[in-house]
Structures are given as structure tokens and as C-alpha cells.
């Protein structure tokens, strides 16, 4: 909030240009405080995620391994440049014998949060397309079974 006064809580209507995008609920925002407000989806920005590979390998000496590889394609069809904040998620193990790691990202994440959220902030010029690839490696004891992936 760049204003010198707080924004009061309540219902707000959101617009992009002259186009109504919806309504939302706003909490009280102090002067100078950062806040997020959802404006709906933008059909001029596309994000496509696909799994390229899934490979399971039984370890000979104690560890099994699962390798995943993903591709995310981004495109900006707007007439203005933008910075896209892209979020993805590493699986959460919940067991210290199970190791989850990010493998060989083509663009290093700007942040990896403690909950496994991967955050990329990538600028896109008008008409620009970008591709991001990364892998996830899961290693776990040979005698264990992994479910829920």
C-alpha cells in the first residue's frame, strides 16, 4: 500500500484496464504494508507444465531412487513486459530416511521455501516465450515403499 493511509477491510471490485475481473475480500492494509490481491486469470499469459520423464531405479546397496523431469513453458502474449512469479512444489517426505532434492534446473529458483515451494520470478517481454526444465530426485531405503506421488 503506497498510500499515506491504511486500506480498510471489505469487499473490493477488481479491474484490469476497463475490464472487470471480479471481486475479492481485502483485509486491513497499513500504509506501506505489502499485500496480495487476486485479479483473476490472464488469458494473454500461458503456463504449460508437463512431465517429461519418470524413472525408477532399484538400488543394489540400500537406496532406491525415483527421477522425475518436468518442462514448464511460459508465454507472454500481452503488449507489455511483465514479471511472472511461478510457483511449483517439491514433494514433502515427512521422514528423514526419504531424501527429496531439486535436480539440474535450467533456471535456478529465486527461492526454495522450507515447505518445498519453488519460486521463480522471471521477466517476459511482449511476445516472449521461455522454457524451464528441472528434475526432482527422491531417494529412499530399499526396504521401503513410496506412495502418494
Protein backbone atom coordinates (compact mmCIF):
# COMPACT_ATOMS: atom_id res chain seq x y z
CA UNK A 1 0.00 0.00 0.00
CA UNK A 2 1.86 3.07 -1.24
CA UNK A 3 -0.74 5.47 0.12
CA UNK A 4 -0.18 7.52 3.27
CA UNK A 5 -3.28 6.00 4.87
CA UNK A 6 -4.49 2.43 5.51
CA UNK A 7 -6.79 0.48 3.20
CA UNK A 8 -9.88 -0.54 5.14
CA UNK A 9 -11.15 -4.12 5.17
CA UNK A 10 -14.09 -5.09 2.99
CA UNK A 11 -15.22 -6.14 -0.46
CA UNK A 12 -13.30 -4.77 -3.46
CA UNK A 13 -14.06 -4.96 -7.17
CA UNK A 14 -11.02 -5.57 -9.37
CA UNK A 15 -10.38 -4.30 -12.89
CA UNK A 16 -7.60 -4.73 -15.43
CA UNK A 17 -7.80 -1.66 -17.63
CA UNK A 18 -11.53 -1.16 -18.15
CA UNK A 19 -12.33 -4.87 -17.81
CA UNK A 20 -13.98 -6.09 -14.62
CA UNK A 21 -12.16 -9.20 -13.36
CA UNK A 22 -14.14 -9.98 -10.22
CA UNK A 23 -14.45 -9.16 -6.57
CA UNK A 24 -12.39 -10.09 -3.58
CA UNK A 25 -12.20 -9.56 0.15
CA UNK A 26 -9.50 -7.22 1.43
CA UNK A 27 -8.07 -7.31 4.94
CA UNK A 28 -6.90 -4.09 6.59
CA UNK A 29 -3.63 -3.00 4.99
CA UNK A 30 -1.46 -0.46 6.80
CA UNK A 31 0.26 2.37 4.93
CA UNK A 32 3.46 0.95 3.42
CA UNK A 33 2.42 -2.68 4.02
CA UNK A 34 2.79 -5.21 1.19
CA UNK A 35 -0.29 -7.24 0.26
CA UNK A 36 -1.56 -9.58 -2.46
CA UNK A 37 -4.77 -9.14 -4.40
CA UNK A 38 -6.03 -11.65 -6.98
CA UNK A 39 -7.17 -10.13 -10.28
CA UNK A 40 -8.24 -13.36 -11.96
CA UNK A 41 -6.53 -15.28 -14.72
CA UNK A 42 -4.93 -13.56 -17.68
CA UNK A 43 -5.62 -15.38 -20.95
CA UNK A 44 -2.73 -13.50 -22.58
CA UNK A 45 -0.19 -15.23 -20.34
CA UNK A 46 0.11 -19.01 -20.67
CA UNK A 47 1.85 -21.57 -18.49
CA UNK A 48 2.03 -25.23 -19.52
CA UNK A 49 3.62 -27.91 -17.31
CA UNK A 50 4.38 -31.43 -18.46
CA UNK A 51 6.17 -34.44 -17.05
CA UNK A 52 8.97 -35.48 -19.39
CA UNK A 53 10.30 -38.48 -17.54
CA UNK A 54 9.71 -40.76 -14.59
CA UNK A 55 12.39 -43.35 -13.92
CA UNK A 56 12.51 -45.78 -11.00
CA UNK A 57 15.77 -47.44 -10.11
CA UNK A 58 16.18 -50.19 -7.53
CA UNK A 59 19.41 -49.67 -5.66
CA UNK A 60 21.79 -52.55 -5.15
CA UNK A 61 23.23 -51.22 -1.90
CA UNK A 62 20.49 -49.77 0.24
CA UNK A 63 18.74 -46.97 -1.69
CA UNK A 64 16.00 -46.84 -4.29
CA UNK A 65 15.71 -43.78 -6.49
CA UNK A 66 12.93 -42.10 -8.46
CA UNK A 67 13.82 -39.43 -11.01
CA UNK A 68 11.23 -37.04 -12.42
CA UNK A 69 11.88 -34.45 -15.14
CA UNK A 70 9.47 -31.59 -15.90
CA UNK A 71 9.16 -28.85 -18.51
CA UNK A 72 7.27 -25.61 -17.93
CA UNK A 73 6.57 -23.41 -20.95
CA UNK A 74 5.77 -19.73 -20.40
CA UNK A 75 4.46 -17.23 -22.95
CA UNK A 76 3.53 -13.55 -22.77
CA UNK A 77 1.04 -12.54 -25.47
CA UNK A 78 0.46 -9.13 -23.88
CA UNK A 79 1.73 -5.87 -25.37
CA UNK A 80 3.58 -5.02 -22.15
CA UNK A 81 6.51 -6.69 -20.43
CA UNK A 82 5.75 -8.45 -17.17
CA UNK A 83 7.44 -10.33 -14.37
CA UNK A 84 5.83 -13.70 -13.82
CA UNK A 85 6.03 -15.32 -10.38
CA UNK A 86 5.95 -19.07 -10.93
CA UNK A 87 5.40 -21.50 -8.05
CA UNK A 88 5.92 -25.26 -8.03
CA UNK A 89 6.25 -27.77 -5.23
CA UNK A 90 8.81 -30.36 -4.21
CA UNK A 91 7.22 -33.42 -2.61
CA UNK A 92 7.43 -33.37 1.19
CA UNK A 93 8.92 -36.51 2.69
CA UNK A 94 7.89 -36.33 6.34
CA UNK A 95 10.54 -38.98 7.05
CA UNK A 96 14.25 -38.28 7.38
CA UNK A 97 15.16 -41.54 5.60
CA UNK A 98 13.50 -40.20 2.44
CA UNK A 99 15.56 -37.55 0.64
CA UNK A 100 13.96 -35.18 -1.89
CA UNK A 101 16.11 -32.84 -3.96
CA UNK A 102 15.85 -30.46 -6.89
CA UNK A 103 17.95 -31.64 -9.83
CA UNK A 104 19.53 -29.60 -12.64
CA UNK A 105 17.07 -26.71 -13.09
CA UNK A 106 17.62 -24.83 -16.36
CA UNK A 107 16.77 -21.63 -14.47
CA UNK A 108 17.71 -21.65 -10.79
CA UNK A 109 14.74 -20.84 -8.50
CA UNK A 110 14.87 -17.45 -6.81
CA UNK A 111 13.77 -19.15 -3.62
CA UNK A 112 13.17 -22.63 -2.20
CA UNK A 113 10.90 -22.25 0.81
CA UNK A 114 11.07 -24.51 3.86
CA UNK A 115 7.76 -26.13 2.82
CA UNK A 116 9.30 -27.20 -0.53
CA UNK A 117 7.74 -24.40 -2.60
CA UNK A 118 9.94 -23.43 -5.55
CA UNK A 119 9.66 -19.76 -6.56
CA UNK A 120 10.85 -18.30 -9.85
CA UNK A 121 10.43 -14.62 -10.76
CA UNK A 122 11.05 -14.36 -14.47
CA UNK A 123 10.67 -11.33 -16.72
CA UNK A 124 8.85 -11.86 -20.03
CA UNK A 125 8.92 -9.31 -22.83
CA UNK A 126 5.87 -8.87 -25.13
CA UNK A 127 5.57 -11.98 -27.32
CA UNK A 128 8.38 -13.76 -25.47
CA UNK A 129 8.31 -17.47 -24.72
CA UNK A 130 10.53 -19.22 -22.18
CA UNK A 131 11.07 -22.81 -21.23
CA UNK A 132 12.13 -24.05 -17.82
CA UNK A 133 13.15 -27.62 -17.07
CA UNK A 134 14.00 -29.23 -13.76
CA UNK A 135 14.18 -32.59 -12.10
CA UNK A 136 13.14 -33.98 -8.76
CA UNK A 137 15.09 -36.86 -7.22
CA UNK A 138 13.65 -38.99 -4.42
CA UNK A 139 15.94 -41.45 -2.64
CA UNK A 140 14.63 -43.87 -0.03
CA UNK A 141 15.65 -47.11 1.72
CA UNK A 142 15.41 -50.25 -0.37
CA UNK A 143 13.02 -51.97 2.05
CA UNK A 144 10.53 -49.06 1.96
CA UNK A 145 7.69 -48.37 -0.47
CA UNK A 146 6.83 -44.82 -1.55
CA UNK A 147 3.18 -43.95 -2.23
CA UNK A 148 1.21 -40.80 -2.92
CA UNK A 149 3.45 -39.25 -5.57
